[in-house]
Amino acid sequence: MTAAAILTLLIHLVWIGLVIFGAIWTRRRPVWSTVHIFALIWGIVVEVGPWPCPLTLAENYFEARAGVVPYHGGFLLHYLDAIVYPNVPDWLLTLVGVAVCGFNLGVYLWRLRCRLRQANPS
């Protein structure tokens, strides 16, 4: 079960990387752009809503089955807050997470605007 917990953690890190950097990677890849937009919306919902991330729940489950005492709270708060932002309030982490998602959505809106301008030159 330890391997499952580690695999879940790695998937979680890849997911967060997709959410943060997906707009760069998905350029000219419409299917992946759609996946990334849904990931951004999901990221915002999980950050501002009362629902836990399913990957966090899976990670906690596998850690508990492996005999590791699982943490309580969100993935970002547990790992990133403790390592990268030790003295930053929770609300600021949430704000930064939502801002990153909003920025990525803005990139997609900008791309759409450029595409529409090319399709309908005035």
PDB file of N, CA and C in Angstrom:
ATOM      1  N   MET A   1       0.815  -1.205   0.000  1.00  0.00           N
ATOM      2  CA  MET A   1       0.000   0.000   0.000  1.00  0.00           C
ATOM      3  C   MET A   1       0.857   1.268   0.000  1.00  0.00           C
ATOM      4  N   THR A   2       2.074   1.161   0.483  1.00  0.00           N
ATOM      5  CA  THR A   2       2.956   2.327   0.448  1.00  0.00           C
ATOM      6  C   THR A   2       3.207   2.759  -0.990  1.00  0.00           C
ATOM      7  N   ALA A   3       3.387   1.794  -1.881  1.00  0.00           N
ATOM      8  CA  ALA A   3       3.607   2.109  -3.298  1.00  0.00           C
ATOM      9  C   ALA A   3       2.387   2.821  -3.882  1.00  0.00           C
ATOM     10  N   ALA A   4       1.186   2.388  -3.499  1.00  0.00           N
ATOM     11  CA  ALA A   4      -0.031   3.037  -3.982  1.00  0.00           C
ATOM     12  C   ALA A   4      -0.109   4.470  -3.470  1.00  0.00           C
ATOM     13  N   ALA A   5       0.297   4.701  -2.225  1.00  0.00           N
ATOM     14  CA  ALA A   5       0.296   6.055  -1.667  1.00  0.00           C
ATOM     15  C   ALA A   5       1.295   6.938  -2.413  1.00  0.00           C
ATOM     16  N   ILE A   6       2.465   6.386  -2.711  1.00  0.00           N
ATOM     17  CA  ILE A   6       3.477   7.163  -3.437  1.00  0.00           C
ATOM     18  C   ILE A   6       3.006   7.449  -4.852  1.00  0.00           C
ATOM     19  N   LEU A   7       2.414   6.450  -5.515  1.00  0.00           N
ATOM     20  CA  LEU A   7       1.894   6.655  -6.862  1.00  0.00           C
ATOM     21  C   LEU A   7       0.802   7.724  -6.871  1.00  0.00           C
ATOM     22  N   THR A   8      -0.075   7.676  -5.881  1.00  0.00           N
ATOM     23  CA  THR A   8      -1.136   8.685  -5.776  1.00  0.00           C
ATOM     24  C   THR A   8      -0.539  10.074  -5.565  1.00  0.00           C
ATOM     25  N   LEU A   9       0.501  10.177  -4.744  1.00  0.00           N
ATOM     26  CA  LEU A   9       1.170  11.450  -4.524  1.00  0.00           C
ATOM     27  C   LEU A   9       1.780  11.966  -5.832  1.00  0.00           C
ATOM     28  N   LEU A  10       2.413  11.076  -6.587  1.00  0.00           N
ATOM     29  CA  LEU A  10       3.004  11.496  -7.861  1.00  0.00           C
ATOM     30  C   LEU A  10       1.930  11.954  -8.847  1.00  0.00           C
ATOM     31  N   ILE A  11       0.819  11.230  -8.904  1.00  0.00           N
ATOM     32  CA  ILE A  11      -0.290  11.653  -9.764  1.00  0.00           C
ATOM     33  C   ILE A  11      -0.798  13.020  -9.324  1.00  0.00           C
ATOM     34  N   HIS A  12      -0.872  13.237  -8.021  1.00  0.00           N
ATOM     35  CA  HIS A  12      -1.321  14.519  -7.475  1.00  0.00           C
ATOM     36  C   HIS A  12      -0.379  15.649  -7.911  1.00  0.00           C
ATOM     37  N   LEU A  13       0.915  15.397  -7.829  1.00  0.00           N
ATOM     38  CA  LEU A  13       1.890  16.414  -8.248  1.00  0.00           C
ATOM     39  C   LEU A  13       1.782  16.712  -9.739  1.00  0.00           C
ATOM     40  N   VAL A  14       1.596  15.668 -10.546  1.00  0.00           N
ATOM     41  CA  VAL A  14       1.431  15.867 -11.995  1.00  0.00           C
ATOM     42  C   VAL A  14       0.160  16.663 -12.262  1.00  0.00           C
ATOM     43  N   TRP A  15      -0.910  16.351 -11.538  1.00  0.00           N
ATOM     44  CA  TRP A  15      -2.182  17.075 -11.707  1.00  0.00           C
ATOM     45  C   TRP A  15      -1.996  18.562 -11.386  1.00  0.00           C
ATOM     46  N   ILE A  16      -1.317  18.849 -10.282  1.00  0.00           N
ATOM     47  CA  ILE A  16      -1.082  20.247  -9.910  1.00  0.00           C
ATOM     48  C   ILE A  16      -0.212  20.932 -10.968  1.00  0.00           C
ATOM     49  N   GLY A  17       0.785  20.210 -11.479  1.00  0.00           N
ATOM     50  CA  GLY A  17       1.609  20.762 -12.560  1.00  0.00           C
ATOM     51  C   GLY A  17       0.779  21.059 -13.796  1.00  0.00           C
ATOM     52  N   LEU A  18      -0.162  20.173 -14.126  1.00  0.00           N
ATOM     53  CA  LEU A  18      -1.064  20.416 -15.257  1.00  0.00           C
ATOM     54  C   LEU A  18      -1.900  21.662 -15.019  1.00  0.00           C
ATOM     55  N   VAL A  19      -2.421  21.796 -13.821  1.00  0.00           N
ATOM     56  CA  VAL A  19      -3.249  22.969 -13.521  1.00  0.00           C
ATOM     57  C   VAL A  19      -2.432  24.257 -13.626  1.00  0.00           C
ATOM     58  N   ILE A  20      -1.211  24.240 -13.112  1.00  0.00           N
ATOM     59  CA  ILE A  20      -0.397  25.457 -13.097  1.00  0.00           C
ATOM     60  C   ILE A  20       0.154  25.792 -14.481  1.00  0.00           C
ATOM     61  N   PHE A  21       0.698  24.802 -15.170  1.00  0.00           N
ATOM     62  CA  PHE A  21       1.417  25.063 -16.416  1.00  0.00           C
ATOM     63  C   PHE A  21       0.698  24.574 -17.667  1.00  0.00           C
ATOM     64  N   GLY A  22      -0.521  24.097 -17.515  1.00  0.00           N
ATOM     65  CA  GLY A  22      -1.227  23.488 -18.637  1.00  0.00           C
ATOM     66  C   GLY A  22      -1.465  24.398 -19.816  1.00  0.00           C
ATOM     67  N   ALA A  23      -1.697  25.672 -19.593  1.00  0.00           N
ATOM     68  CA  ALA A  23      -1.965  26.588 -20.700  1.00  0.00           C
ATOM     69  C   ALA A  23      -0.761  26.693 -21.629  1.00  0.00           C
ATOM     70  N   ILE A  24       0.418  26.534 -21.099  1.00  0.00           N
ATOM     71  CA  ILE A  24       1.627  26.563 -21.934  1.00  0.00           C
ATOM     72  C   ILE A  24       1.722  25.265 -22.733  1.00  0.00           C
ATOM     73  N   TRP A  25       1.505  24.150 -22.074  1.00  0.00           N
ATOM     74  CA  TRP A  25       1.677  22.855 -22.698  1.00  0.00           C
ATOM     75  C   TRP A  25       0.580  22.521 -23.706  1.00  0.00           C
ATOM     76  N   THR A  26      -0.617  23.034 -23.515  1.00  0.00           N
ATOM     77  CA  THR A  26      -1.761  22.650 -24.344  1.00  0.00           C
ATOM     78  C   THR A  26      -1.910  23.473 -25.609  1.00  0.00           C
ATOM     79  N   ARG A  27      -1.040  24.391 -25.848  1.00  0.00           N
ATOM     80  CA  ARG A  27      -1.163  25.229 -27.046  1.00  0.00           C
ATOM     81  C   ARG A  27      -1.218  24.365 -28.300  1.00  0.00           C
ATOM     82  N   ARG A  28      -2.215  24.621 -29.126  1.00  0.00           N
ATOM     83  CA  ARG A  28      -2.472  23.887 -30.366  1.00  0.00           C
ATOM     84  C   ARG A  28      -2.823  22.416 -30.128  1.00  0.00           C
ATOM     85  N   ARG A  29      -3.312  22.124 -28.958  1.00  0.00           N
ATOM     86  CA  ARG A  29      -3.794  20.775 -28.635  1.00  0.00           C
ATOM     87  C   ARG A  29      -5.205  20.915 -28.062  1.00  0.00           C
ATOM     88  N   PRO A  30      -6.220  20.957 -28.919  1.00  0.00           N
ATOM     89  CA  PRO A  30      -7.571  21.263 -28.445  1.00  0.00           C
ATOM     90  C   PRO A  30      -8.121  20.267 -27.425  1.00  0.00           C
ATOM     91  N   VAL A  31      -7.825  18.992 -27.581  1.00  0.00           N
ATOM     92  CA  VAL A  31      -8.346  18.005 -26.622  1.00  0.00           C
ATOM     93  C   VAL A  31      -7.729  18.250 -25.247  1.00  0.00           C
ATOM     94  N   TRP A  32      -6.413  18.447 -25.200  1.00  0.00           N
ATOM     95  CA  TRP A  32      -5.747  18.695 -23.924  1.00  0.00           C
ATOM     96  C   TRP A  32      -6.144  20.051 -23.346  1.00  0.00           C
ATOM     97  N   SER A  33      -6.436  21.006 -24.220  1.00  0.00           N
ATOM     98  CA  SER A  33      -6.923  22.304 -23.723  1.00  0.00           C
ATOM     99  C   SER A  33      -8.237  22.136 -22.993  1.00  0.00           C
ATOM    100  N   THR A  34      -9.119  21.309 -23.543  1.00  0.00           N
ATOM    101  CA  THR A  34     -10.405  21.046 -22.891  1.00  0.00           C
ATOM    102  C   THR A  34     -10.189  20.377 -21.541  1.00  0.00           C
ATOM    103  N   VAL A  35      -9.307  19.385 -21.493  1.00  0.00           N
ATOM    104  CA  VAL A  35      -8.991  18.719 -20.220  1.00  0.00           C
ATOM    105  C   VAL A  35      -8.454  19.734 -19.223  1.00  0.00           C
ATOM    106  N   HIS A  36      -7.568  20.623 -19.687  1.00  0.00           N
ATOM    107  CA  HIS A  36      -6.966  21.609 -18.790  1.00  0.00           C
ATOM    108  C   HIS A  36      -8.004  22.601 -18.269  1.00  0.00           C
ATOM    109  N   ILE A  37      -8.916  23.037 -19.116  1.00  0.00           N
ATOM    110  CA  ILE A  37      -9.952  23.975 -18.667  1.00  0.00           C
ATOM    111  C   ILE A  37     -10.805  23.329 -17.575  1.00  0.00           C
ATOM    112  N   PHE A  38     -11.173  22.070 -17.762  1.00  0.00           N
ATOM    113  CA  PHE A  38     -11.933  21.382 -16.712  1.00  0.00           C
ATOM    114  C   PHE A  38     -11.098  21.212 -15.449  1.00  0.00           C
ATOM    115  N   ALA A  39      -9.802  20.956 -15.600  1.00  0.00           N
ATOM    116  CA  ALA A  39      -8.916  20.851 -14.436  1.00  0.00           C
ATOM    117  C   ALA A  39      -8.849  22.182 -13.685  1.00  0.00           C
ATOM    118  N   LEU A  40      -8.817  23.292 -14.430  1.00  0.00           N
ATOM    119  CA  LEU A  40      -8.790  24.616 -13.797  1.00  0.00           C
ATOM    120  C   LEU A  40     -10.076  24.877 -13.018  1.00  0.00           C
ATOM    121  N   ILE A  41     -11.196  24.571 -13.643  1.00  0.00           N
ATOM    122  CA  ILE A  41     -12.478  24.782 -12.967  1.00  0.00           C
ATOM    123  C   ILE A  41     -12.551  23.907 -11.714  1.00  0.00           C
ATOM    124  N   TRP A  42     -12.121  22.646 -11.847  1.00  0.00           N
ATOM    125  CA  TRP A  42     -12.099  21.756 -10.685  1.00  0.00           C
ATOM    126  C   TRP A  42     -11.177  22.309  -9.603  1.00  0.00           C
ATOM    127  N   GLY A  43     -10.012  22.823  -9.989  1.00  0.00           N
ATOM    128  CA  GLY A  43      -9.070  23.387  -9.025  1.00  0.00           C
ATOM    129  C   GLY A  43      -9.674  24.549  -8.247  1.00  0.00           C
ATOM    130  N   ILE A  44     -10.392  25.407  -8.951  1.00  0.00           N
ATOM    131  CA  ILE A  44     -11.036  26.542  -8.282  1.00  0.00           C
ATOM    132  C   ILE A  44     -12.112  26.046  -7.322  1.00  0.00           C
ATOM    133  N   VAL A  45     -12.926  25.091  -7.774  1.00  0.00           N
ATOM    134  CA  VAL A  45     -14.008  24.557  -6.930  1.00  0.00           C
ATOM    135  C   VAL A  45     -13.438  23.928  -5.661  1.00  0.00           C
ATOM    136  N   VAL A  46     -12.372  23.149  -5.804  1.00  0.00           N
ATOM    137  CA  VAL A  46     -11.784  22.487  -4.635  1.00  0.00           C
ATOM    138  C   VAL A  46     -11.136  23.507  -3.703  1.00  0.00           C
ATOM    139  N   GLU A  47     -10.501  24.531  -4.264  1.00  0.00           N
ATOM    140  CA  GLU A  47      -9.839  25.536  -3.419  1.00  0.00           C
ATOM    141  C   GLU A  47     -10.830  26.378  -2.624  1.00  0.00           C
ATOM    142  N   VAL A  48     -11.921  26.785  -3.250  1.00  0.00           N
ATOM    143  CA  VAL A  48     -12.839  27.697  -2.555  1.00  0.00           C
ATOM    144  C   VAL A  48     -14.023  26.982  -1.913  1.00  0.00           C
ATOM    145  N   GLY A  49     -14.273  25.754  -2.310  1.00  0.00           N
ATOM    146  CA  GLY A  49     -15.413  25.022  -1.775  1.00  0.00           C
ATOM    147  C   GLY A  49     -15.045  24.188  -0.557  1.00  0.00           C
ATOM    148  N   PRO A  50     -16.038  23.570   0.053  1.00  0.00           N
ATOM    149  CA  PRO A  50     -15.796  22.757   1.245  1.00  0.00           C
ATOM    150  C   PRO A  50     -15.413  21.310   0.924  1.00  0.00           C
ATOM    151  N   TRP A  51     -15.316  20.967  -0.372  1.00  0.00           N
ATOM    152  CA  TRP A  51     -15.079  19.584  -0.757  1.00  0.00           C
ATOM    153  C   TRP A  51     -13.595  19.267  -0.793  1.00  0.00           C
ATOM    154  N   PRO A  52     -13.221  18.090  -0.320  1.00  0.00           N
ATOM    155  CA  PRO A  52     -11.812  17.691  -0.394  1.00  0.00           C
ATOM    156  C   PRO A  52     -11.483  17.175  -1.792  1.00  0.00           C
ATOM    157  N   CYS A  53     -10.245  17.234  -2.140  1.00  0.00           N
ATOM    158  CA  CYS A  53      -9.777  16.708  -3.417  1.00  0.00           C
ATOM    159  C   CYS A  53      -9.798  15.176  -3.358  1.00  0.00           C
ATOM    160  N   PRO A  54     -10.329  14.503  -4.368  1.00  0.00           N
ATOM    161  CA  PRO A  54     -10.354  13.040  -4.359  1.00  0.00           C
ATOM    162  C   PRO A  54      -8.951  12.428  -4.302  1.00  0.00           C
ATOM    163  N   LEU A  55      -7.960  13.090  -4.881  1.00  0.00           N
ATOM    164  CA  LEU A  55      -6.601  12.567  -4.811  1.00  0.00           C
ATOM    165  C   LEU A  55      -6.067  12.625  -3.378  1.00  0.00           C
ATOM    166  N   THR A  56      -6.424  13.655  -2.645  1.00  0.00           N
ATOM    167  CA  THR A  56      -6.031  13.741  -1.237  1.00  0.00           C
ATOM    168  C   THR A  56      -6.685  12.616  -0.443  1.00  0.00           C
ATOM    169  N   LEU A  57      -7.955  12.374  -0.700  1.00  0.00           N
ATOM    170  CA  LEU A  57      -8.653  11.289  -0.011  1.00  0.00           C
ATOM    171  C   LEU A  57      -8.028   9.938  -0.339  1.00  0.00           C
ATOM    172  N   ALA A  58      -7.693   9.723  -1.614  1.00  0.00           N
ATOM    173  CA  ALA A  58      -7.065   8.456  -2.013  1.00  0.00           C
ATOM    174  C   ALA A  58      -5.697   8.301  -1.358  1.00  0.00           C
ATOM    175  N   GLU A  59      -4.947   9.384  -1.332  1.00  0.00           N
ATOM    176  CA  GLU A  59      -3.625   9.337  -0.705  1.00  0.00           C
ATOM    177  C   GLU A  59      -3.748   9.009   0.784  1.00  0.00           C
ATOM    178  N   ASN A  60      -4.671   9.645   1.473  1.00  0.00           N
ATOM    179  CA  ASN A  60      -4.900   9.359   2.894  1.00  0.00           C
ATOM    180  C   ASN A  60      -5.303   7.897   3.105  1.00  0.00           C
ATOM    181  N   TYR A  61      -6.161   7.389   2.231  1.00  0.00           N
ATOM    182  CA  TYR A  61      -6.612   6.004   2.339  1.00  0.00           C
ATOM    183  C   TYR A  61      -5.436   5.035   2.214  1.00  0.00           C
ATOM    184  N   PHE A  62      -4.622   5.224   1.186  1.00  0.00           N
ATOM    185  CA  PHE A  62      -3.494   4.319   0.969  1.00  0.00           C
ATOM    186  C   PHE A  62      -2.450   4.438   2.080  1.00  0.00           C
ATOM    187  N   GLU A  63      -2.237   5.645   2.575  1.00  0.00           N
ATOM    188  CA  GLU A  63      -1.293   5.814   3.683  1.00  0.00           C
ATOM    189  C   GLU A  63      -1.810   5.114   4.943  1.00  0.00           C
ATOM    190  N   ALA A  64      -3.095   5.224   5.206  1.00  0.00           N
ATOM    191  CA  ALA A  64      -3.670   4.565   6.387  1.00  0.00           C
ATOM    192  C   ALA A  64      -3.567   3.051   6.249  1.00  0.00           C
ATOM    193  N   ARG A  65      -3.817   2.512   5.045  1.00  0.00           N
ATOM    194  CA  ARG A  65      -3.714   1.069   4.813  1.00  0.00           C
ATOM    195  C   ARG A  65      -2.268   0.586   4.926  1.00  0.00           C
ATOM    196  N   ALA A  66      -1.308   1.493   4.647  1.00  0.00           N
ATOM    197  CA  ALA A  66       0.107   1.130   4.732  1.00  0.00           C
ATOM    198  C   ALA A  66       0.651   1.297   6.140  1.00  0.00           C
ATOM    199  N   GLY A  67      -0.185   1.804   7.053  1.00  0.00           N
ATOM    200  CA  GLY A  67       0.265   1.989   8.423  1.00  0.00           C
ATOM    201  C   GLY A  67       0.875   3.352   8.692  1.00  0.00           C
ATOM    202  N   VAL A  68       0.847   4.231   7.700  1.00  0.00           N
ATOM    203  CA  VAL A  68       1.351   5.589   7.860  1.00  0.00           C
ATOM    204  C   VAL A  68       0.203   6.438   8.386  1.00  0.00           C
ATOM    205  N   VAL A  69       0.454   7.274   9.361  1.00  0.00           N
ATOM    206  CA  VAL A  69      -0.594   8.137   9.890  1.00  0.00           C
ATOM    207  C   VAL A  69      -0.887   9.213   8.853  1.00  0.00           C
ATOM    208  N   PRO A  70      -2.092   9.209   8.281  1.00  0.00           N
ATOM    209  CA  PRO A  70      -2.402  10.214   7.261  1.00  0.00           C
ATOM    210  C   PRO A  70      -2.584  11.592   7.884  1.00  0.00           C
ATOM    211  N   TYR A  71      -2.337  12.597   7.101  1.00  0.00           N
ATOM    212  CA  TYR A  71      -2.517  13.968   7.552  1.00  0.00           C
ATOM    213  C   TYR A  71      -3.975  14.368   7.397  1.00  0.00           C
ATOM    214  N   HIS A  72      -4.321  15.462   7.999  1.00  0.00           N
ATOM    215  CA  HIS A  72      -5.669  16.005   7.855  1.00  0.00           C
ATOM    216  C   HIS A  72      -5.553  17.341   7.157  1.00  0.00           C
ATOM    217  N   GLY A  73      -6.529  17.661   6.330  1.00  0.00           N
ATOM    218  CA  GLY A  73      -6.498  18.899   5.562  1.00  0.00           C
ATOM    219  C   GLY A  73      -6.132  18.622   4.120  1.00  0.00           C
ATOM    220  N   GLY A  74      -5.990  19.673   3.351  1.00  0.00           N
ATOM    221  CA  GLY A  74      -5.748  19.549   1.932  1.00  0.00           C
ATOM    222  C   GLY A  74      -4.300  19.253   1.586  1.00  0.00           C
ATOM    223  N   PHE A  75      -4.120  18.739   0.407  1.00  0.00           N
ATOM    224  CA  PHE A  75      -2.798  18.405  -0.118  1.00  0.00           C
ATOM    225  C   PHE A  75      -1.893  19.626  -0.124  1.00  0.00           C
ATOM    226  N   LEU A  76      -2.384  20.726  -0.685  1.00  0.00           N
ATOM    227  CA  LEU A  76      -1.565  21.937  -0.773  1.00  0.00           C
ATOM    228  C   LEU A  76      -1.153  22.435   0.604  1.00  0.00           C
ATOM    229  N   LEU A  77      -2.087  22.435   1.504  1.00  0.00           N
ATOM    230  CA  LEU A  77      -1.765  22.921   2.845  1.00  0.00           C
ATOM    231  C   LEU A  77      -0.752  22.017   3.532  1.00  0.00           C
ATOM    232  N   HIS A  78      -0.883  20.722   3.338  1.00  0.00           N
ATOM    233  CA  HIS A  78       0.015  19.783   4.022  1.00  0.00           C
ATOM    234  C   HIS A  78       1.433  19.866   3.471  1.00  0.00           C
ATOM    235  N   TYR A  79       1.582  19.749   2.164  1.00  0.00           N
ATOM    236  CA  TYR A  79       2.915  19.679   1.579  1.00  0.00           C
ATOM    237  C   TYR A  79       3.497  21.050   1.251  1.00  0.00           C
ATOM    238  N   LEU A  80       2.790  21.813   0.442  1.00  0.00           N
ATOM    239  CA  LEU A  80       3.358  23.084   0.006  1.00  0.00           C
ATOM    240  C   LEU A  80       3.450  24.100   1.133  1.00  0.00           C
ATOM    241  N   ASP A  81       2.439  24.151   1.965  1.00  0.00           N
ATOM    242  CA  ASP A  81       2.470  25.102   3.075  1.00  0.00           C
ATOM    243  C   ASP A  81       3.624  24.784   4.021  1.00  0.00           C
ATOM    244  N   ALA A  82       3.828  23.528   4.323  1.00  0.00           N
ATOM    245  CA  ALA A  82       4.881  23.141   5.265  1.00  0.00           C
ATOM    246  C   ALA A  82       6.279  23.316   4.683  1.00  0.00           C
ATOM    247  N   ILE A  83       6.441  23.124   3.382  1.00  0.00           N
ATOM    248  CA  ILE A  83       7.771  23.169   2.772  1.00  0.00           C
ATOM    249  C   ILE A  83       8.093  24.538   2.175  1.00  0.00           C
ATOM    250  N   VAL A  84       7.199  25.046   1.369  1.00  0.00           N
ATOM    251  CA  VAL A  84       7.492  26.250   0.590  1.00  0.00           C
ATOM    252  C   VAL A  84       7.037  27.528   1.299  1.00  0.00           C
ATOM    253  N   TYR A  85       5.877  27.483   1.923  1.00  0.00           N
ATOM    254  CA  TYR A  85       5.303  28.683   2.530  1.00  0.00           C
ATOM    255  C   TYR A  85       5.029  28.450   4.018  1.00  0.00           C
ATOM    256  N   PRO A  86       6.026  28.305   4.833  1.00  0.00           N
ATOM    257  CA  PRO A  86       5.780  27.935   6.231  1.00  0.00           C
ATOM    258  C   PRO A  86       5.029  28.983   7.044  1.00  0.00           C
ATOM    259  N   ASN A  87       5.126  30.241   6.696  1.00  0.00           N
ATOM    260  CA  ASN A  87       4.469  31.281   7.500  1.00  0.00           C
ATOM    261  C   ASN A  87       3.405  32.054   6.726  1.00  0.00           C
ATOM    262  N   VAL A  88       2.806  31.417   5.732  1.00  0.00           N
ATOM    263  CA  VAL A  88       1.791  32.067   4.917  1.00  0.00           C
ATOM    264  C   VAL A  88       0.418  31.576   5.372  1.00  0.00           C
ATOM    265  N   PRO A  89      -0.525  32.492   5.565  1.00  0.00           N
ATOM    266  CA  PRO A  89      -1.859  32.067   6.006  1.00  0.00           C
ATOM    267  C   PRO A  89      -2.579  31.238   4.933  1.00  0.00           C
ATOM    268  N   ASP A  90      -3.481  30.388   5.389  1.00  0.00           N
ATOM    269  CA  ASP A  90      -4.229  29.506   4.487  1.00  0.00           C
ATOM    270  C   ASP A  90      -4.991  30.287   3.420  1.00  0.00           C
ATOM    271  N   TRP A  91      -5.587  31.403   3.800  1.00  0.00           N
ATOM    272  CA  TRP A  91      -6.387  32.166   2.849  1.00  0.00           C
ATOM    273  C   TRP A  91      -5.524  32.692   1.703  1.00  0.00           C
ATOM    274  N   LEU A  92      -4.252  32.986   1.971  1.00  0.00           N
ATOM    275  CA  LEU A  92      -3.366  33.476   0.919  1.00  0.00           C
ATOM    276  C   LEU A  92      -3.022  32.357  -0.064  1.00  0.00           C
ATOM    277  N   LEU A  93      -2.814  31.143   0.451  1.00  0.00           N
ATOM    278  CA  LEU A  93      -2.578  30.004  -0.446  1.00  0.00           C
ATOM    279  C   LEU A  93      -3.780  29.765  -1.347  1.00  0.00           C
ATOM    280  N   THR A  94      -4.965  29.857  -0.779  1.00  0.00           N
ATOM    281  CA  THR A  94      -6.177  29.698  -1.576  1.00  0.00           C
ATOM    282  C   THR A  94      -6.259  30.788  -2.628  1.00  0.00           C
ATOM    283  N   LEU A  95      -5.972  32.019  -2.245  1.00  0.00           N
ATOM    284  CA  LEU A  95      -6.014  33.143  -3.180  1.00  0.00           C
ATOM    285  C   LEU A  95      -5.022  32.944  -4.321  1.00  0.00           C
ATOM    286  N   VAL A  96      -3.815  32.517  -4.010  1.00  0.00           N
ATOM    287  CA  VAL A  96      -2.800  32.287  -5.039  1.00  0.00           C
ATOM    288  C   VAL A  96      -3.230  31.144  -5.958  1.00  0.00           C
ATOM    289  N   GLY A  97      -3.769  30.078  -5.391  1.00  0.00           N
ATOM    290  CA  GLY A  97      -4.245  28.959  -6.211  1.00  0.00           C
ATOM    291  C   GLY A  97      -5.330  29.379  -7.175  1.00  0.00           C
ATOM    292  N   VAL A  98      -6.296  30.137  -6.692  1.00  0.00           N
ATOM    293  CA  VAL A  98      -7.375  30.623  -7.557  1.00  0.00           C
ATOM    294  C   VAL A  98      -6.821  31.609  -8.584  1.00  0.00           C
ATOM    295  N   ALA A  99      -5.868  32.438  -8.197  1.00  0.00           N
ATOM    296  CA  ALA A  99      -5.270  33.396  -9.141  1.00  0.00           C
ATOM    297  C   ALA A  99      -4.534  32.677 -10.267  1.00  0.00           C
ATOM    298  N   VAL A 100      -3.817  31.617  -9.944  1.00  0.00           N
ATOM    299  CA  VAL A 100      -3.125  30.835 -10.978  1.00  0.00           C
ATOM    300  C   VAL A 100      -4.138  30.232 -11.940  1.00  0.00           C
ATOM    301  N   CYS A 101      -5.211  29.671 -11.401  1.00  0.00           N
ATOM    302  CA  CYS A 101      -6.258  29.108 -12.258  1.00  0.00           C
ATOM    303  C   CYS A 101      -6.910  30.198 -13.111  1.00  0.00           C
ATOM    304  N   GLY A 102      -7.188  31.338 -12.508  1.00  0.00           N
ATOM    305  CA  GLY A 102      -7.767  32.459 -13.253  1.00  0.00           C
ATOM    306  C   GLY A 102      -6.850  32.960 -14.358  1.00  0.00           C
ATOM    307  N   PHE A 103      -5.560  33.024 -14.081  1.00  0.00           N
ATOM    308  CA  PHE A 103      -4.594  33.443 -15.095  1.00  0.00           C
ATOM    309  C   PHE A 103      -4.615  32.483 -16.279  1.00  0.00           C
ATOM    310  N   ASN A 104      -4.619  31.183 -15.986  1.00  0.00           N
ATOM    311  CA  ASN A 104      -4.659  30.186 -17.056  1.00  0.00           C
ATOM    312  C   ASN A 104      -5.940  30.302 -17.873  1.00  0.00           C
ATOM    313  N   LEU A 105      -7.067  30.512 -17.215  1.00  0.00           N
ATOM    314  CA  LEU A 105      -8.318  30.708 -17.946  1.00  0.00           C
ATOM    315  C   LEU A 105      -8.245  31.967 -18.809  1.00  0.00           C
ATOM    316  N   GLY A 106      -7.578  33.007 -18.312  1.00  0.00           N
ATOM    317  CA  GLY A 106      -7.371  34.217 -19.099  1.00  0.00           C
ATOM    318  C   GLY A 106      -6.554  33.959 -20.354  1.00  0.00           C
ATOM    319  N   VAL A 107      -5.566  33.083 -20.268  1.00  0.00           N
ATOM    320  CA  VAL A 107      -4.778  32.702 -21.447  1.00  0.00           C
ATOM    321  C   VAL A 107      -5.691  32.075 -22.491  1.00  0.00           C
ATOM    322  N   TYR A 108      -6.602  31.216 -22.061  1.00  0.00           N
ATOM    323  CA  TYR A 108      -7.524  30.596 -23.007  1.00  0.00           C
ATOM    324  C   TYR A 108      -8.474  31.623 -23.626  1.00  0.00           C
ATOM    325  N   LEU A 109      -8.940  32.566 -22.835  1.00  0.00           N
ATOM    326  CA  LEU A 109      -9.806  33.610 -23.386  1.00  0.00           C
ATOM    327  C   LEU A 109      -9.052  34.455 -24.401  1.00  0.00           C
ATOM    328  N   TRP A 110      -7.797  34.762 -24.120  1.00  0.00           N
ATOM    329  CA  TRP A 110      -6.975  35.530 -25.048  1.00  0.00           C
ATOM    330  C   TRP A 110      -6.778  34.759 -26.355  1.00  0.00           C
ATOM    331  N   ARG A 111      -6.492  33.455 -26.245  1.00  0.00           N
ATOM    332  CA  ARG A 111      -6.339  32.630 -27.444  1.00  0.00           C
ATOM    333  C   ARG A 111      -7.626  32.600 -28.258  1.00  0.00           C
ATOM    334  N   LEU A 112      -8.757  32.458 -27.574  1.00  0.00           N
ATOM    335  CA  LEU A 112     -10.045  32.445 -28.263  1.00  0.00           C
ATOM    336  C   LEU A 112     -10.282  33.764 -28.974  1.00  0.00           C
ATOM    337  N   ARG A 113      -9.975  34.843 -28.313  1.00  0.00           N
ATOM    338  CA  ARG A 113     -10.136  36.176 -28.915  1.00  0.00           C
ATOM    339  C   ARG A 113      -9.276  36.318 -30.168  1.00  0.00           C
ATOM    340  N   CYS A 114      -8.037  35.865 -30.099  1.00  0.00           N
ATOM    341  CA  CYS A 114      -7.144  35.930 -31.262  1.00  0.00           C
ATOM    342  C   CYS A 114      -7.667  35.064 -32.396  1.00  0.00           C
ATOM    343  N   ARG A 115      -8.157  33.877 -32.063  1.00  0.00           N
ATOM    344  CA  ARG A 115      -8.694  32.981 -33.083  1.00  0.00           C
ATOM    345  C   ARG A 115      -9.924  33.584 -33.745  1.00  0.00           C
ATOM    346  N   LEU A 116     -10.788  34.209 -32.955  1.00  0.00           N
ATOM    347  CA  LEU A 116     -11.984  34.843 -33.516  1.00  0.00           C
ATOM    348  C   LEU A 116     -11.618  36.019 -34.406  1.00  0.00           C
ATOM    349  N   ARG A 117     -10.602  36.763 -34.025  1.00  0.00           N
ATOM    350  CA  ARG A 117     -10.150  37.886 -34.867  1.00  0.00           C
ATOM    351  C   ARG A 117      -9.605  37.396 -36.202  1.00  0.00           C
ATOM    352  N   GLN A 118      -8.880  36.280 -36.168  1.00  0.00           N
ATOM    353  CA  GLN A 118      -8.340  35.730 -37.414  1.00  0.00           C
ATOM    354  C   GLN A 118      -9.444  35.196 -38.318  1.00  0.00           C
ATOM    355  N   ALA A 119     -10.481  34.640 -37.726  1.00  0.00           N
ATOM    356  CA  ALA A 119     -11.588  34.088 -38.499  1.00  0.00           C
ATOM    357  C   ALA A 119     -12.470  35.183 -39.103  1.00  0.00           C
ATOM    358  N   ASN A 120     -12.571  36.324 -38.418  1.00  0.00           N
ATOM    359  CA  ASN A 120     -13.419  37.432 -38.858  1.00  0.00           C
ATOM    360  C   ASN A 120     -12.631  38.727 -38.954  1.00  0.00           C
ATOM    361  N   PRO A 121     -11.720  38.847 -39.914  1.00  0.00           N
ATOM    362  CA  PRO A 121     -10.963  40.102 -39.995  1.00  0.00           C
ATOM    363  C   PRO A 121     -11.879  41.245 -40.422  1.00  0.00           C
ATOM    364  N   SER A 122     -11.696  42.384 -39.790  1.00  0.00           N
ATOM    365  CA  SER A 122     -12.565  43.545 -40.085  1.00  0.00           C
ATOM    366  C   SER A 122     -11.948  44.433 -41.111  1.00  0.00           C
TER     367      SER A 122
END
